[in-house]
C-alpha atoms as a PDB file:
ATOM      1  CA  MET A   1       0.082   0.149  -0.050  1.00  0.00           C
ATOM      2  CA  SER A   2       1.184   3.331  -0.929  1.00  0.00           C
ATOM      3  CA  GLN A   3       1.978   6.076   1.867  1.00  0.00           C
ATOM      4  CA  VAL A   4      -0.769   8.416   2.492  1.00  0.00           C
ATOM      5  CA  SER A   5      -0.165  11.494  -0.151  1.00  0.00           C
ATOM      6  CA  GLU A   6       0.814  14.979   1.757  1.00  0.00           C
ATOM      7  CA  SER A   7      -2.231  16.561  -0.007  1.00  0.00           C
ATOM      8  CA  CYS A   8      -4.961  14.275   1.768  1.00  0.00           C
ATOM      9  CA  ASN A   9      -7.128  15.740   2.961  1.00  0.00           C
ATOM     10  CA  HIS A  10      -9.186  12.267   3.966  1.00  0.00           C
ATOM     11  CA  ASP A  11     -12.178  12.695   1.406  1.00  0.00           C
ATOM     12  CA  CYS A  12     -11.920   9.269   0.293  1.00  0.00           C
ATOM     13  CA  GLY A  13     -14.743   9.508  -1.691  1.00  0.00           C
ATOM     14  CA  SER A  14     -13.213  12.045  -4.092  1.00  0.00           C
ATOM     15  CA  CYS A  15      -9.791  10.334  -4.424  1.00  0.00           C
ATOM     16  CA  GLY A  16      -8.513   7.969  -6.414  1.00  0.00           C
ATOM     17  CA  GLU A  17      -5.455   7.003  -4.439  1.00  0.00           C
ATOM     18  CA  ASN A  18      -5.054   3.381  -2.544  1.00  0.00           C
ATOM     19  CA  CYS A  19      -3.317   4.469   0.665  1.00  0.00           C
ATOM     20  CA  SER A  20      -2.797   2.563   3.919  1.00  0.00           C
ATOM     21  CA  GLU A  21      -5.727   5.113   5.589  1.00  0.00           C
ATOM     22  CA  ARG A  22      -8.561   4.332   3.415  1.00  0.00           C
ATOM     23  CA  ASP A  23     -11.261   2.358   3.937  1.00  0.00           C
ATOM     24  CA  PRO A  24     -11.213  -0.652   1.212  1.00  0.00           C
ATOM     25  CA  LYS A  25     -15.091  -0.463   1.478  1.00  0.00           C
ATOM     26  CA  SER A  26     -15.216   2.850   0.009  1.00  0.00           C
ATOM     27  CA  PHE A  27     -13.882   1.597  -3.393  1.00  0.00           C
ATOM     28  CA  GLN A  28     -17.035  -0.877  -3.668  1.00  0.00           C
ATOM     29  CA  GLU A  29     -19.174  -0.828  -6.489  1.00  0.00           C
ATOM     30  CA  LYS A  30     -22.803  -0.730  -6.129  1.00  0.00           C
ATOM     31  CA  PRO A  31     -24.620  -3.712  -7.716  1.00  0.00           C
ATOM     32  CA  HIS A  32     -27.149  -3.382 -10.612  1.00  0.00           C
ATOM     33  CA  ALA A  33     -30.567  -1.988  -9.279  1.00  0.00           C
ATOM     34  CA  LYS A  34     -32.474  -4.882  -9.727  1.00  0.00           C
ATOM     35  CA  SER A  35     -29.932  -6.957  -8.344  1.00  0.00           C
ATOM     36  CA  ASN A  36     -30.739  -8.905  -5.106  1.00  0.00           C
ATOM     37  CA  ILE A  37     -27.396 -10.487  -3.957  1.00  0.00           C
ATOM     38  CA  LYS A  38     -27.117 -11.875   0.062  1.00  0.00           C
ATOM     39  CA  LYS A  39     -23.326 -13.479  -0.148  1.00  0.00           C
ATOM     40  CA  VAL A  40     -20.548 -12.788  -2.341  1.00  0.00           C
ATOM     41  CA  ILE A  41     -17.761 -15.909  -2.024  1.00  0.00           C
ATOM     42  CA  GLY A  42     -14.777 -15.430  -4.123  1.00  0.00           C
ATOM     43  CA  VAL A  43     -13.226 -18.550  -5.660  1.00  0.00           C
ATOM     44  CA  VAL A  44      -9.251 -17.973  -6.159  1.00  0.00           C
ATOM     45  CA  SER A  45      -6.162 -19.715  -6.371  1.00  0.00           C
ATOM     46  CA  GLY A  46      -2.466 -18.848  -6.660  1.00  0.00           C
ATOM     47  CA  LYS A  47      -1.440 -20.586  -9.967  1.00  0.00           C
ATOM     48  CA  GLY A  48      -3.487 -21.801 -12.708  1.00  0.00           C
ATOM     49  CA  GLY A  49      -4.398 -25.341 -13.389  1.00  0.00           C
ATOM     50  CA  VAL A  50      -5.352 -26.665  -9.785  1.00  0.00           C
ATOM     51  CA  GLY A  51      -9.391 -26.953 -10.488  1.00  0.00           C
ATOM     52  CA  LYS A  52     -10.351 -23.614  -9.667  1.00  0.00           C
ATOM     53  CA  SER A  53     -12.982 -23.423 -12.098  1.00  0.00           C
ATOM     54  CA  LEU A  54     -14.291 -27.215 -11.082  1.00  0.00           C
ATOM     55  CA  VAL A  55     -14.598 -26.270  -7.260  1.00  0.00           C
ATOM     56  CA  THR A  56     -16.676 -23.206  -7.849  1.00  0.00           C
ATOM     57  CA  GLY A  57     -19.033 -25.301 -10.496  1.00  0.00           C
ATOM     58  CA  MET A  58     -19.206 -28.124  -7.424  1.00  0.00           C
ATOM     59  CA  LEU A  59     -19.977 -25.714  -4.547  1.00  0.00           C
ATOM     60  CA  ALA A  60     -22.854 -23.997  -7.123  1.00  0.00           C
ATOM     61  CA  VAL A  61     -24.304 -26.811  -7.585  1.00  0.00           C
ATOM     62  CA  LEU A  62     -24.056 -28.118  -4.156  1.00  0.00           C
ATOM     63  CA  MET A  63     -25.528 -24.950  -2.490  1.00  0.00           C
ATOM     64  CA  SER A  64     -28.448 -25.169  -5.324  1.00  0.00           C
ATOM     65  CA  ARG A  65     -29.233 -28.507  -4.539  1.00  0.00           C
ATOM     66  CA  GLN A  66     -29.705 -27.226  -1.218  1.00  0.00           C
ATOM     67  CA  GLY A  67     -32.167 -25.022  -1.730  1.00  0.00           C
ATOM     68  CA  TYR A  68     -30.372 -21.824  -2.201  1.00  0.00           C
ATOM     69  CA  ARG A  69     -30.745 -19.395  -5.101  1.00  0.00           C
ATOM     70  CA  VAL A  70     -26.978 -19.745  -6.449  1.00  0.00           C
ATOM     71  CA  GLY A  71     -24.996 -17.450  -9.115  1.00  0.00           C
ATOM     72  CA  VAL A  72     -21.646 -17.699 -10.962  1.00  0.00           C
ATOM     73  CA  LEU A  73     -20.151 -14.590 -12.114  1.00  0.00           C
ATOM     74  CA  ASP A  74     -17.265 -16.162 -14.217  1.00  0.00           C
ATOM     75  CA  ALA A  75     -14.177 -13.187 -13.535  1.00  0.00           C
ATOM     76  CA  ASP A  76     -11.615 -15.450 -15.862  1.00  0.00           C
ATOM     77  CA  ILE A  77     -12.480 -13.574 -18.685  1.00  0.00           C
ATOM     78  CA  THR A  78      -9.532 -14.850 -20.914  1.00  0.00           C
ATOM     79  CA  GLY A  79      -9.720 -18.478 -19.766  1.00  0.00           C
ATOM     80  CA  PRO A  80     -13.945 -19.113 -19.247  1.00  0.00           C
ATOM     81  CA  SER A  81     -14.500 -22.432 -18.631  1.00  0.00           C
ATOM     82  CA  ILE A  82     -18.206 -22.269 -16.140  1.00  0.00           C
ATOM     83  CA  PRO A  83     -20.686 -21.913 -19.005  1.00  0.00           C
ATOM     84  CA  LYS A  84     -18.842 -25.335 -20.906  1.00  0.00           C
ATOM     85  CA  MET A  85     -19.305 -27.622 -17.531  1.00  0.00           C
ATOM     86  CA  PHE A  86     -22.590 -26.172 -16.913  1.00  0.00           C
ATOM     87  CA  GLY A  87     -23.584 -27.075 -21.037  1.00  0.00           C
ATOM     88  CA  ILE A  88     -25.136 -23.429 -21.856  1.00  0.00           C
ATOM     89  CA  LYS A  89     -24.882 -22.836 -25.326  1.00  0.00           C
ATOM     90  CA  GLU A  90     -27.046 -20.005 -25.524  1.00  0.00           C
ATOM     91  CA  LYS A  91     -25.901 -16.615 -25.470  1.00  0.00           C
ATOM     92  CA  ALA A  92     -26.758 -14.223 -22.124  1.00  0.00           C
ATOM     93  CA  THR A  93     -29.585 -11.616 -23.327  1.00  0.00           C
ATOM     94  CA  GLY A  94     -30.408  -8.272 -22.643  1.00  0.00           C
ATOM     95  CA  THR A  95     -32.461  -5.121 -22.534  1.00  0.00           C
ATOM     96  CA  GLU A  96     -32.246  -1.127 -21.847  1.00  0.00           C
ATOM     97  CA  GLU A  97     -32.475  -2.077 -18.242  1.00  0.00           C
ATOM     98  CA  GLY A  98     -29.559  -4.610 -17.892  1.00  0.00           C
ATOM     99  CA  ILE A  99     -27.975  -7.576 -18.705  1.00  0.00           C
ATOM    100  CA  PHE A 100     -29.809 -11.054 -18.109  1.00  0.00           C
ATOM    101  CA  PRO A 101     -27.566 -14.039 -16.889  1.00  0.00           C
ATOM    102  CA  ALA A 102     -27.767 -17.655 -18.899  1.00  0.00           C
ATOM    103  CA  LEU A 103     -29.819 -20.186 -16.809  1.00  0.00           C
ATOM    104  CA  THR A 104     -28.625 -23.430 -16.122  1.00  0.00           C
ATOM    105  CA  LYS A 105     -30.571 -26.498 -16.417  1.00  0.00           C
ATOM    106  CA  THR A 106     -31.369 -26.617 -12.346  1.00  0.00           C
ATOM    107  CA  GLY A 107     -31.804 -22.894 -12.904  1.00  0.00           C
ATOM    108  CA  ILE A 108     -27.912 -21.525 -11.330  1.00  0.00           C
ATOM    109  CA  GLN A 109     -27.601 -18.167 -12.841  1.00  0.00           C
ATOM    110  CA  VAL A 110     -24.362 -17.556 -14.979  1.00  0.00           C
ATOM    111  CA  MET A 111     -22.417 -14.594 -16.367  1.00  0.00           C
ATOM    112  CA  SER A 112     -19.046 -14.950 -18.671  1.00  0.00           C
ATOM    113  CA  ALA A 113     -17.331 -13.583 -21.315  1.00  0.00           C
ATOM    114  CA  ASN A 114     -18.005 -16.780 -23.839  1.00  0.00           C
ATOM    115  CA  LEU A 115     -21.616 -15.853 -22.870  1.00  0.00           C
ATOM    116  CA  LEU A 116     -20.727 -12.576 -24.786  1.00  0.00           C
ATOM    117  CA  LEU A 117     -18.624 -13.700 -27.682  1.00  0.00           C
ATOM    118  CA  GLU A 118     -19.893 -15.252 -31.197  1.00  0.00           C
ATOM    119  CA  ASP A 119     -17.915 -18.108 -31.127  1.00  0.00           C
ATOM    120  CA  ASP A 120     -16.730 -19.645 -27.869  1.00  0.00           C
ATOM    121  CA  THR A 121     -13.360 -20.245 -29.656  1.00  0.00           C
ATOM    122  CA  ASP A 122     -13.170 -16.774 -30.397  1.00  0.00           C
ATOM    123  CA  PRO A 123     -10.075 -15.424 -28.131  1.00  0.00           C
ATOM    124  CA  VAL A 124     -10.240 -12.649 -25.480  1.00  0.00           C
ATOM    125  CA  ILE A 125      -7.168 -10.499 -26.631  1.00  0.00           C
ATOM    126  CA  TRP A 126      -7.656  -7.222 -23.780  1.00  0.00           C
ATOM    127  CA  ARG A 127      -5.431  -5.555 -21.905  1.00  0.00           C
ATOM    128  CA  GLY A 128      -5.699  -5.615 -17.938  1.00  0.00           C
ATOM    129  CA  PRO A 129      -7.874  -2.598 -16.971  1.00  0.00           C
ATOM    130  CA  VAL A 130     -10.036  -3.386 -19.782  1.00  0.00           C
ATOM    131  CA  ILE A 131     -10.478  -7.322 -18.704  1.00  0.00           C
ATOM    132  CA  ALA A 132     -11.092  -5.881 -15.112  1.00  0.00           C
ATOM    133  CA  GLY A 133     -13.518  -3.408 -16.444  1.00  0.00           C
ATOM    134  CA  THR A 134     -15.655  -6.387 -17.865  1.00  0.00           C
ATOM    135  CA  VAL A 135     -15.757  -7.867 -14.260  1.00  0.00           C
ATOM    136  CA  LYS A 136     -17.327  -4.596 -13.033  1.00  0.00           C
ATOM    137  CA  GLN A 137     -19.910  -4.716 -15.568  1.00  0.00           C
ATOM    138  CA  PHE A 138     -20.613  -8.448 -14.841  1.00  0.00           C
ATOM    139  CA  TRP A 139     -21.501  -7.009 -11.352  1.00  0.00           C
ATOM    140  CA  THR A 140     -22.955  -3.570 -11.677  1.00  0.00           C
ATOM    141  CA  GLU A 141     -24.768  -4.327 -15.159  1.00  0.00           C
ATOM    142  CA  VAL A 142     -26.068  -7.741 -14.680  1.00  0.00           C
ATOM    143  CA  ILE A 143     -29.132  -8.527 -12.916  1.00  0.00           C
ATOM    144  CA  TRP A 144     -29.015 -10.935 -10.814  1.00  0.00           C
ATOM    145  CA  GLU A 145     -32.439 -12.069  -9.088  1.00  0.00           C
ATOM    146  CA  ASP A 146     -32.659 -13.149  -5.463  1.00  0.00           C
ATOM    147  CA  VAL A 147     -29.284 -14.754  -5.337  1.00  0.00           C
ATOM    148  CA  ASP A 148     -28.298 -16.297  -2.001  1.00  0.00           C
ATOM    149  CA  TYR A 149     -24.703 -17.132  -3.086  1.00  0.00           C
ATOM    150  CA  LEU A 150     -23.275 -15.381  -5.816  1.00  0.00           C
ATOM    151  CA  PHE A 151     -19.649 -17.483  -6.585  1.00  0.00           C
ATOM    152  CA  VAL A 152     -17.078 -15.603  -8.469  1.00  0.00           C
ATOM    153  CA  ASP A 153     -14.301 -17.474 -10.433  1.00  0.00           C
ATOM    154  CA  MET A 154     -11.293 -15.678 -10.289  1.00  0.00           C
ATOM    155  CA  PRO A 155      -8.007 -16.127 -12.787  1.00  0.00           C
ATOM    156  CA  PRO A 156      -4.979 -17.326 -11.011  1.00  0.00           C
ATOM    157  CA  GLY A 157      -2.901 -15.306  -9.430  1.00  0.00           C
ATOM    158  CA  THR A 158      -2.661 -11.714  -7.442  1.00  0.00           C
ATOM    159  CA  GLY A 159      -3.280  -9.272 -10.916  1.00  0.00           C
ATOM    160  CA  ASP A 160      -6.105  -7.074 -12.157  1.00  0.00           C
ATOM    161  CA  VAL A 161      -8.928  -9.392 -11.488  1.00  0.00           C
ATOM    162  CA  PRO A 162      -8.636 -10.121  -7.851  1.00  0.00           C
ATOM    163  CA  LEU A 163      -7.366  -6.650  -6.959  1.00  0.00           C
ATOM    164  CA  THR A 164     -10.731  -5.400  -8.948  1.00  0.00           C
ATOM    165  CA  VAL A 165     -13.078  -8.089  -7.144  1.00  0.00           C
ATOM    166  CA  PHE A 166     -12.073  -7.603  -3.648  1.00  0.00           C
ATOM    167  CA  GLN A 167     -12.104  -4.120  -4.278  1.00  0.00           C
ATOM    168  CA  SER A 168     -15.236  -3.241  -5.935  1.00  0.00           C
ATOM    169  CA  LEU A 169     -17.397  -6.213  -4.405  1.00  0.00           C
ATOM    170  CA  PRO A 170     -18.634  -6.778  -0.574  1.00  0.00           C
ATOM    171  CA  VAL A 171     -16.629  -9.926  -1.006  1.00  0.00           C
ATOM    172  CA  ASP A 172     -18.205 -12.124   2.135  1.00  0.00           C
ATOM    173  CA  GLY A 173     -15.214 -14.769   1.799  1.00  0.00           C
ATOM    174  CA  ILE A 174     -13.177 -16.558   0.095  1.00  0.00           C
ATOM    175  CA  VAL A 175     -12.461 -20.058  -1.313  1.00  0.00           C
ATOM    176  CA  VAL A 176      -8.361 -21.136  -1.734  1.00  0.00           C
ATOM    177  CA  VAL A 177      -7.996 -24.205  -4.428  1.00  0.00           C
ATOM    178  CA  THR A 178      -4.639 -25.442  -4.167  1.00  0.00           C
ATOM    179  CA  SER A 179      -2.613 -28.642  -4.957  1.00  0.00           C
ATOM    180  CA  PRO A 180      -0.598 -31.217  -3.205  1.00  0.00           C
ATOM    181  CA  GLN A 181       3.029 -30.263  -4.885  1.00  0.00           C
ATOM    182  CA  ASP A 182       5.547 -28.010  -2.325  1.00  0.00           C
ATOM    183  CA  LEU A 183       5.571 -25.270  -4.939  1.00  0.00           C
ATOM    184  CA  VAL A 184       1.682 -24.885  -5.164  1.00  0.00           C
ATOM    185  CA  SER A 185       1.680 -24.336  -0.805  1.00  0.00           C
ATOM    186  CA  MET A 186       4.240 -21.621  -1.372  1.00  0.00           C
ATOM    187  CA  ILE A 187       1.828 -19.900  -4.100  1.00  0.00           C
ATOM    188  CA  VAL A 188      -0.944 -20.438  -1.917  1.00  0.00           C
ATOM    189  CA  ALA A 189       0.646 -17.933   0.914  1.00  0.00           C
ATOM    190  CA  LYS A 190       0.812 -15.444  -1.970  1.00  0.00           C
ATOM    191  CA  ALA A 191      -3.578 -15.467  -2.121  1.00  0.00           C
ATOM    192  CA  VAL A 192      -3.626 -15.689   1.383  1.00  0.00           C
ATOM    193  CA  ASN A 193      -1.347 -12.871   2.367  1.00  0.00           C
ATOM    194  CA  MET A 194      -3.284 -10.634  -0.350  1.00  0.00           C
ATOM    195  CA  ALA A 195      -6.687 -11.582   0.691  1.00  0.00           C
ATOM    196  CA  LYS A 196      -5.549 -10.796   4.195  1.00  0.00           C
ATOM    197  CA  MET A 197      -4.132  -7.123   2.988  1.00  0.00           C
ATOM    198  CA  MET A 198      -7.165  -6.560   1.310  1.00  0.00           C
ATOM    199  CA  HIS A 199      -9.277  -7.318   4.541  1.00  0.00           C
ATOM    200  CA  ILE A 200     -11.331 -10.394   2.921  1.00  0.00           C
ATOM    201  CA  PRO A 201     -12.114 -13.459   5.066  1.00  0.00           C
ATOM    202  CA  ILE A 202     -10.711 -16.670   4.224  1.00  0.00           C
ATOM    203  CA  ILE A 203     -13.232 -19.468   4.337  1.00  0.00           C
ATOM    204  CA  GLY A 204     -10.493 -21.768   3.728  1.00  0.00           C
ATOM    205  CA  LEU A 205      -8.380 -24.393   1.649  1.00  0.00           C
ATOM    206  CA  VAL A 206      -9.480 -27.189  -0.648  1.00  0.00           C
ATOM    207  CA  GLU A 207      -6.797 -29.268  -1.940  1.00  0.00           C
ATOM    208  CA  ASN A 208      -7.804 -31.026  -5.547  1.00  0.00           C
ATOM    209  CA  MET A 209      -5.935 -33.519  -7.073  1.00  0.00           C
ATOM    210  CA  SER A 210      -5.035 -35.050  -3.868  1.00  0.00           C
ATOM    211  CA  TYR A 211      -4.723 -38.390  -4.471  1.00  0.00           C
ATOM    212  CA  VAL A 212      -6.284 -41.024  -6.499  1.00  0.00           C
ATOM    213  CA  GLN A 213      -8.105 -44.153  -5.041  1.00  0.00           C
ATOM    214  CA  CYS A 214      -7.773 -47.757  -6.545  1.00  0.00           C
ATOM    215  CA  PRO A 215     -10.890 -49.055  -7.517  1.00  0.00           C
ATOM    216  CA  HIS A 216     -10.330 -52.330  -6.939  1.00  0.00           C
ATOM    217  CA  CYS A 217      -8.698 -52.649  -3.198  1.00  0.00           C
ATOM    218  CA  ASN A 218      -9.223 -48.532  -2.216  1.00  0.00           C
ATOM    219  CA  GLU A 219      -5.790 -47.674  -1.665  1.00  0.00           C
ATOM    220  CA  LYS A 220      -5.127 -44.135  -1.726  1.00  0.00           C
ATOM    221  CA  ILE A 221      -2.462 -42.892  -3.923  1.00  0.00           C
ATOM    222  CA  ASN A 222      -0.531 -39.760  -3.429  1.00  0.00           C
ATOM    223  CA  VAL A 223      -0.016 -39.150  -6.993  1.00  0.00           C
ATOM    224  CA  PHE A 224       1.555 -35.631  -6.743  1.00  0.00           C
ATOM    225  CA  GLY A 225       3.242 -36.727  -3.684  1.00  0.00           C
ATOM    226  CA  GLU A 226       2.503 -35.977   0.328  1.00  0.00           C
ATOM    227  CA  SER A 227      -0.006 -33.358   1.036  1.00  0.00           C
ATOM    228  CA  HIS A 228       1.241 -29.878   2.592  1.00  0.00           C
ATOM    229  CA  ILE A 229      -2.020 -28.673   3.184  1.00  0.00           C
ATOM    230  CA  ASP A 230      -2.564 -29.449   6.827  1.00  0.00           C
ATOM    231  CA  GLU A 231       0.753 -27.645   7.177  1.00  0.00           C
ATOM    232  CA  THR A 232      -0.366 -24.622   5.236  1.00  0.00           C
ATOM    233  CA  ALA A 233      -3.630 -24.292   6.939  1.00  0.00           C
ATOM    234  CA  ALA A 234      -2.002 -24.455  10.511  1.00  0.00           C
ATOM    235  CA  LYS A 235       0.186 -21.763   9.639  1.00  0.00           C
ATOM    236  CA  TYR A 236      -2.158 -19.543   8.632  1.00  0.00           C
ATOM    237  CA  GLN A 237      -5.278 -20.817  10.986  1.00  0.00           C
ATOM    238  CA  LEU A 238      -7.009 -21.703   8.402  1.00  0.00           C
ATOM    239  CA  LYS A 239      -9.865 -24.831   7.881  1.00  0.00           C
ATOM    240  CA  VAL A 240      -9.096 -27.524   5.396  1.00  0.00           C
ATOM    241  CA  LEU A 241     -12.467 -27.489   3.780  1.00  0.00           C
ATOM    242  CA  SER A 242     -11.735 -30.676   1.753  1.00  0.00           C
ATOM    243  CA  LYS A 243      -9.603 -32.804   0.028  1.00  0.00           C
ATOM    244  CA  LEU A 244     -10.800 -33.548  -3.290  1.00  0.00           C
ATOM    245  CA  ALA A 245      -9.403 -36.925  -5.317  1.00  0.00           C
ATOM    246  CA  MET A 246      -8.673 -37.436  -9.113  1.00  0.00           C
ATOM    247  CA  ASN A 247     -12.061 -38.548 -10.388  1.00  0.00           C
ATOM    248  CA  PRO A 248     -12.227 -39.818 -14.002  1.00  0.00           C
ATOM    249  CA  GLU A 249     -16.405 -39.437 -13.667  1.00  0.00           C
ATOM    250  CA  ILE A 250     -16.265 -35.982 -12.741  1.00  0.00           C
ATOM    251  CA  ALA A 251     -14.328 -34.505 -15.601  1.00  0.00           C
ATOM    252  CA  LYS A 252     -16.212 -36.479 -17.944  1.00  0.00           C
ATOM    253  CA  ALA A 253     -19.406 -34.594 -16.382  1.00  0.00           C
ATOM    254  CA  CYS A 254     -17.627 -31.552 -16.937  1.00  0.00           C
ATOM    255  CA  ASP A 255     -16.554 -32.090 -20.508  1.00  0.00           C
ATOM    256  CA  ALA A 256     -19.831 -33.118 -21.003  1.00  0.00           C
ATOM    257  CA  GLY A 257     -22.081 -29.958 -19.871  1.00  0.00           C
ATOM    258  CA  ALA A 258     -23.652 -31.870 -17.296  1.00  0.00           C
ATOM    259  CA  ILE A 259     -21.538 -30.913 -13.853  1.00  0.00           C
ATOM    260  CA  GLU A 260     -25.230 -30.781 -12.185  1.00  0.00           C
ATOM    261  CA  SER A 261     -25.906 -34.663 -12.630  1.00  0.00           C
ATOM    262  CA  PHE A 262     -22.419 -35.476 -11.028  1.00  0.00           C
ATOM    263  CA  ASN A 263     -22.738 -36.438  -7.348  1.00  0.00           C
ATOM    264  CA  SER A 264     -20.183 -36.152  -4.914  1.00  0.00           C
ATOM    265  CA  GLU A 265     -20.207 -35.778  -0.812  1.00  0.00           C
ATOM    266  CA  GLU A 266     -16.324 -34.310  -1.266  1.00  0.00           C
ATOM    267  CA  LEU A 267     -17.389 -30.641  -0.484  1.00  0.00           C
ATOM    268  CA  ASN A 268     -19.997 -31.199   1.911  1.00  0.00           C
ATOM    269  CA  ASP A 269     -18.317 -30.162   5.073  1.00  0.00           C
ATOM    270  CA  ALA A 270     -17.606 -26.680   2.743  1.00  0.00           C
ATOM    271  CA  ALA A 271     -21.175 -26.443   2.005  1.00  0.00           C
ATOM    272  CA  ARG A 272     -21.568 -26.559   5.409  1.00  0.00           C
ATOM    273  CA  VAL A 273     -19.388 -23.596   6.486  1.00  0.00           C
ATOM    274  CA  LEU A 274     -20.649 -21.333   3.871  1.00  0.00           C
ATOM    275  CA  ALA A 275     -24.204 -21.957   5.154  1.00  0.00           C
ATOM    276  CA  GLU A 276     -23.010 -20.774   8.333  1.00  0.00           C
ATOM    277  CA  ILE A 277     -21.797 -17.608   7.237  1.00  0.00           C
ATOM    278  CA  LYS A 278     -23.604 -14.502   8.750  1.00  0.00           C
END
């Protein structure tokens, strides 16, 4: 954080500086006037390829099955995967009032850059500020109707988009997704430290690809070596919400756009913690 400017008059509402005395909430954007969103949950990772979008989708499905109204804001603008795993083929629609998210088979509201592109394979070749601005628009111009939990699937790292989400949206907490490699535990620390610097509560950690379970003898095989998530959680006084197995069936379901038909109890503890957020 930068130091307070010598010309600071402590009127944060008219200031563009990001200083140590500024209340982080002063950066927050108001959602669309017709939106009704109770809880905003960010799903983050320190690096790519650890299954952050998968965890986002699984949590959204799980909370929806428990009777909550759920939305997913796909903030991974250059690498959106949420529409495909939910089998959404139609595009987002809009009127002069605002943009309407697409609906999944079970009624989960989804907004993603891929729902605005003519072709799903068209690349999004935008610079950071434009991407961050798009994420803001997904919050301010999309009409999220009576959402109990809005999950924000963020791109990996600690760059423009996570910063924009943490500053612009009233995030109630984040779930940090990791994998067993020792390198990843170091990168998790970066995501955790960023959240703490931005005063964002950390709900807990989910370790994906934690192990493979033999279908014959049920032995758990640590493909990527011994897990370090318990050590990382203890170091930062965080909860381990789940250790997800490598399961080809969930991969098949996502590829087929059928994540809503996949049943798993691995994230039940995470769902209980989410339900307890006040």
